[in-house]
C-alpha atoms as a PDB file:
ATOM      1  CA  UNK A   1      27.652  12.331 -12.993  1.00  0.00           C
ATOM      2  CA  UNK A   2      31.168  13.165 -14.106  1.00  0.00           C
ATOM      3  CA  UNK A   3      34.326  13.188 -12.018  1.00  0.00           C
ATOM      4  CA  UNK A   4      37.665  14.671 -13.069  1.00  0.00           C
ATOM      5  CA  UNK A   5      40.734  14.327 -10.873  1.00  0.00           C
ATOM      6  CA  UNK A   6      43.832  16.469 -10.962  1.00  0.00           C
ATOM      7  CA  UNK A   7      46.805  17.380  -8.824  1.00  0.00           C
ATOM      8  CA  UNK A   8      48.927  14.270  -8.999  1.00  0.00           C
ATOM      9  CA  UNK A   9      52.626  14.356  -9.641  1.00  0.00           C
ATOM     10  CA  UNK A  10      56.080  13.453  -8.401  1.00  0.00           C
ATOM     11  CA  UNK A  11      57.000  14.394  -4.846  1.00  0.00           C
ATOM     12  CA  UNK A  12      59.744  13.448  -2.429  1.00  0.00           C
ATOM     13  CA  UNK A  13      59.056  11.420   0.662  1.00  0.00           C
ATOM     14  CA  UNK A  14      57.732  13.700   3.379  1.00  0.00           C
ATOM     15  CA  UNK A  15      56.279  16.104   0.862  1.00  0.00           C
ATOM     16  CA  UNK A  16      52.706  17.179   0.207  1.00  0.00           C
ATOM     17  CA  UNK A  17      50.190  17.214  -2.616  1.00  0.00           C
ATOM     18  CA  UNK A  18      46.599  18.314  -2.940  1.00  0.00           C
ATOM     19  CA  UNK A  19      44.380  16.296  -5.225  1.00  0.00           C
ATOM     20  CA  UNK A  20      41.165  17.708  -6.641  1.00  0.00           C
ATOM     21  CA  UNK A  21      38.084  15.964  -7.943  1.00  0.00           C
ATOM     22  CA  UNK A  22      35.750  18.224  -9.869  1.00  0.00           C
ATOM     23  CA  UNK A  23      32.241  16.865  -9.988  1.00  0.00           C
ATOM     24  CA  UNK A  24      29.225  17.587 -12.127  1.00  0.00           C
ATOM     25  CA  UNK A  25      25.683  16.327 -11.948  1.00  0.00           C
ATOM     26  CA  UNK A  26      26.064  15.277  -8.326  1.00  0.00           C
ATOM     27  CA  UNK A  27      23.435  15.780  -5.658  1.00  0.00           C
ATOM     28  CA  UNK A  28      25.579  15.723  -2.561  1.00  0.00           C
ATOM     29  CA  UNK A  29      22.918  14.496  -0.185  1.00  0.00           C
ATOM     30  CA  UNK A  30      22.212  11.448  -2.328  1.00  0.00           C
ATOM     31  CA  UNK A  31      25.789  10.227  -2.621  1.00  0.00           C
ATOM     32  CA  UNK A  32      28.860   9.283  -0.682  1.00  0.00           C
ATOM     33  CA  UNK A  33      32.114  10.270  -2.332  1.00  0.00           C
ATOM     34  CA  UNK A  34      35.452   8.669  -1.760  1.00  0.00           C
ATOM     35  CA  UNK A  35      39.100   8.726  -2.685  1.00  0.00           C
ATOM     36  CA  UNK A  36      40.636   5.417  -3.684  1.00  0.00           C
ATOM     37  CA  UNK A  37      44.252   4.360  -4.111  1.00  0.00           C
ATOM     38  CA  UNK A  38      45.636   1.705  -6.409  1.00  0.00           C
ATOM     39  CA  UNK A  39      49.283   0.960  -5.788  1.00  0.00           C
ATOM     40  CA  UNK A  40      51.300  -0.689  -8.577  1.00  0.00           C
ATOM     41  CA  UNK A  41      50.388  -4.357  -8.820  1.00  0.00           C
ATOM     42  CA  UNK A  42      47.734  -4.144  -6.108  1.00  0.00           C
ATOM     43  CA  UNK A  43      43.992  -3.845  -5.919  1.00  0.00           C
ATOM     44  CA  UNK A  44      42.313  -0.504  -5.469  1.00  0.00           C
ATOM     45  CA  UNK A  45      41.336   0.307  -1.909  1.00  0.00           C
ATOM     46  CA  UNK A  46      39.499   3.090  -0.167  1.00  0.00           C
ATOM     47  CA  UNK A  47      41.512   5.896   1.372  1.00  0.00           C
ATOM     48  CA  UNK A  48      38.767   8.183   2.590  1.00  0.00           C
ATOM     49  CA  UNK A  49      35.020   8.489   2.228  1.00  0.00           C
ATOM     50  CA  UNK A  50      32.681  11.382   2.907  1.00  0.00           C
ATOM     51  CA  UNK A  51      28.939  11.398   3.397  1.00  0.00           C
ATOM     52  CA  UNK A  52      27.053  14.664   3.474  1.00  0.00           C
ATOM     53  CA  UNK A  53      23.951  12.800   4.621  1.00  0.00           C
ATOM     54  CA  UNK A  54      25.791  11.400   7.654  1.00  0.00           C
ATOM     55  CA  UNK A  55      27.963  14.509   8.113  1.00  0.00           C
ATOM     56  CA  UNK A  56      30.911  12.213   8.537  1.00  0.00           C
ATOM     57  CA  UNK A  57      34.228  11.327   6.954  1.00  0.00           C
ATOM     58  CA  UNK A  58      36.123   8.062   7.250  1.00  0.00           C
ATOM     59  CA  UNK A  59      39.871   7.593   6.773  1.00  0.00           C
ATOM     60  CA  UNK A  60      41.880   4.440   6.248  1.00  0.00           C
ATOM     61  CA  UNK A  61      44.148   3.897   9.237  1.00  0.00           C
ATOM     62  CA  UNK A  62      47.255   4.239   7.050  1.00  0.00           C
ATOM     63  CA  UNK A  63      46.436   7.863   6.162  1.00  0.00           C
ATOM     64  CA  UNK A  64      44.691   9.064   9.300  1.00  0.00           C
ATOM     65  CA  UNK A  65      46.415  12.186  10.562  1.00  0.00           C
ATOM     66  CA  UNK A  66      48.230  12.727   7.254  1.00  0.00           C
ATOM     67  CA  UNK A  67      45.428  13.127   4.710  1.00  0.00           C
ATOM     68  CA  UNK A  68      42.450  15.466   4.892  1.00  0.00           C
ATOM     69  CA  UNK A  69      39.322  15.149   2.785  1.00  0.00           C
ATOM     70  CA  UNK A  70      37.414  18.376   2.222  1.00  0.00           C
ATOM     71  CA  UNK A  71      34.578  19.649   0.073  1.00  0.00           C
ATOM     72  CA  UNK A  72      33.862  22.949  -1.625  1.00  0.00           C
ATOM     73  CA  UNK A  73      30.186  22.735  -2.456  1.00  0.00           C
ATOM     74  CA  UNK A  74      30.231  26.097  -4.233  1.00  0.00           C
ATOM     75  CA  UNK A  75      32.673  24.706  -6.786  1.00  0.00           C
ATOM     76  CA  UNK A  76      31.361  21.128  -6.672  1.00  0.00           C
ATOM     77  CA  UNK A  77      34.891  20.000  -5.939  1.00  0.00           C
ATOM     78  CA  UNK A  78      36.388  17.745  -3.329  1.00  0.00           C
ATOM     79  CA  UNK A  79      39.990  17.720  -2.268  1.00  0.00           C
ATOM     80  CA  UNK A  80      42.426  15.303  -0.718  1.00  0.00           C
ATOM     81  CA  UNK A  81      45.210  17.111   1.095  1.00  0.00           C
ATOM     82  CA  UNK A  82      48.097  14.669   1.394  1.00  0.00           C
ATOM     83  CA  UNK A  83      50.917  15.424   3.835  1.00  0.00           C
ATOM     84  CA  UNK A  84      53.937  13.474   5.068  1.00  0.00           C
ATOM     85  CA  UNK A  85      53.806  11.359   1.946  1.00  0.00           C
ATOM     86  CA  UNK A  86      55.518   7.990   1.907  1.00  0.00           C
ATOM     87  CA  UNK A  87      56.712   5.808  -0.980  1.00  0.00           C
ATOM     88  CA  UNK A  88      53.842   3.413  -0.135  1.00  0.00           C
ATOM     89  CA  UNK A  89      51.422   6.195  -1.067  1.00  0.00           C
ATOM     90  CA  UNK A  90      52.534   5.888  -4.695  1.00  0.00           C
ATOM     91  CA  UNK A  91      49.817   4.929  -7.130  1.00  0.00           C
ATOM     92  CA  UNK A  92      46.750   6.110  -8.966  1.00  0.00           C
ATOM     93  CA  UNK A  93      44.225   8.037  -6.917  1.00  0.00           C
ATOM     94  CA  UNK A  94      40.646   8.066  -8.108  1.00  0.00           C
ATOM     95  CA  UNK A  95      37.494   9.574  -6.802  1.00  0.00           C
ATOM     96  CA  UNK A  96      34.292   7.627  -6.911  1.00  0.00           C
ATOM     97  CA  UNK A  97      30.702   8.199  -5.885  1.00  0.00           C
ATOM     98  CA  UNK A  98      28.030   5.809  -4.745  1.00  0.00           C
ATOM     99  CA  UNK A  99      24.386   6.190  -3.891  1.00  0.00           C
ATOM    100  CA  UNK A 100      24.271   4.107  -0.737  1.00  0.00           C
ATOM    101  CA  UNK A 101      21.302   2.090   0.403  1.00  0.00           C
ATOM    102  CA  UNK A 102      19.324   4.041   3.014  1.00  0.00           C
ATOM    103  CA  UNK A 103      19.995   1.464   5.723  1.00  0.00           C
ATOM    104  CA  UNK A 104      23.774   1.905   5.459  1.00  0.00           C
ATOM    105  CA  UNK A 105      24.837   4.482   8.018  1.00  0.00           C
ATOM    106  CA  UNK A 106      28.550   3.742   8.363  1.00  0.00           C
ATOM    107  CA  UNK A 107      30.540   5.938   6.015  1.00  0.00           C
ATOM    108  CA  UNK A 108      33.233   3.294   5.560  1.00  0.00           C
ATOM    109  CA  UNK A 109      30.583   0.795   4.468  1.00  0.00           C
ATOM    110  CA  UNK A 110      29.185   3.265   1.937  1.00  0.00           C
ATOM    111  CA  UNK A 111      32.430   3.289   0.004  1.00  0.00           C
ATOM    112  CA  UNK A 112      33.230  -0.398   0.515  1.00  0.00           C
ATOM    113  CA  UNK A 113      30.652  -1.743  -1.887  1.00  0.00           C
ATOM    114  CA  UNK A 114      30.085  -1.085  -5.543  1.00  0.00           C
ATOM    115  CA  UNK A 115      30.879   2.404  -6.792  1.00  0.00           C
ATOM    116  CA  UNK A 116      28.446   3.960  -9.231  1.00  0.00           C
ATOM    117  CA  UNK A 117      30.732   6.433 -10.952  1.00  0.00           C
ATOM    118  CA  UNK A 118      34.505   6.719 -11.264  1.00  0.00           C
ATOM    119  CA  UNK A 119      36.928   9.346 -12.383  1.00  0.00           C
ATOM    120  CA  UNK A 120      39.903   8.365 -14.506  1.00  0.00           C
ATOM    121  CA  UNK A 121      42.395   8.950 -11.735  1.00  0.00           C
ATOM    122  CA  UNK A 122      45.570  10.911 -11.205  1.00  0.00           C
ATOM    123  CA  UNK A 123      49.030   9.430 -10.637  1.00  0.00           C
ATOM    124  CA  UNK A 124      50.986  10.173  -7.478  1.00  0.00           C
ATOM    125  CA  UNK A 125      54.619   9.125  -7.279  1.00  0.00           C
ATOM    126  CA  UNK A 126      56.494   9.470  -4.011  1.00  0.00           C
ATOM    127  CA  UNK A 127      60.239   9.050  -4.271  1.00  0.00           C
ATOM    128  CA  UNK A 128      62.347   7.869  -1.344  1.00  0.00           C
END
């Protein structure tokens, strides 16, 4: 499995960006895929997580209503549409995939444990 992110950049507060994560070697039904954010000097945390198996998407409360996670299965690419960006959204955004245990049904829990594969990330900088 390979993951390649793109779409980061510098944007003013209130602006928008769309991040892409191109995947290869991924069987969608076997994995959950998430977007993760690492702010400067802080630990990486989950922003959004999608499970095809559960037909569900989870969002961190801080981005709910502003960010949208979508998937284009034809192109094996997922996207994170980021609107109303804030300076606190600054950081490296990475996509990661995990093959969750079959007894885990909560999408948030799928992306909260160990991640099997990571992309290298893309930097988002939101200026005030």
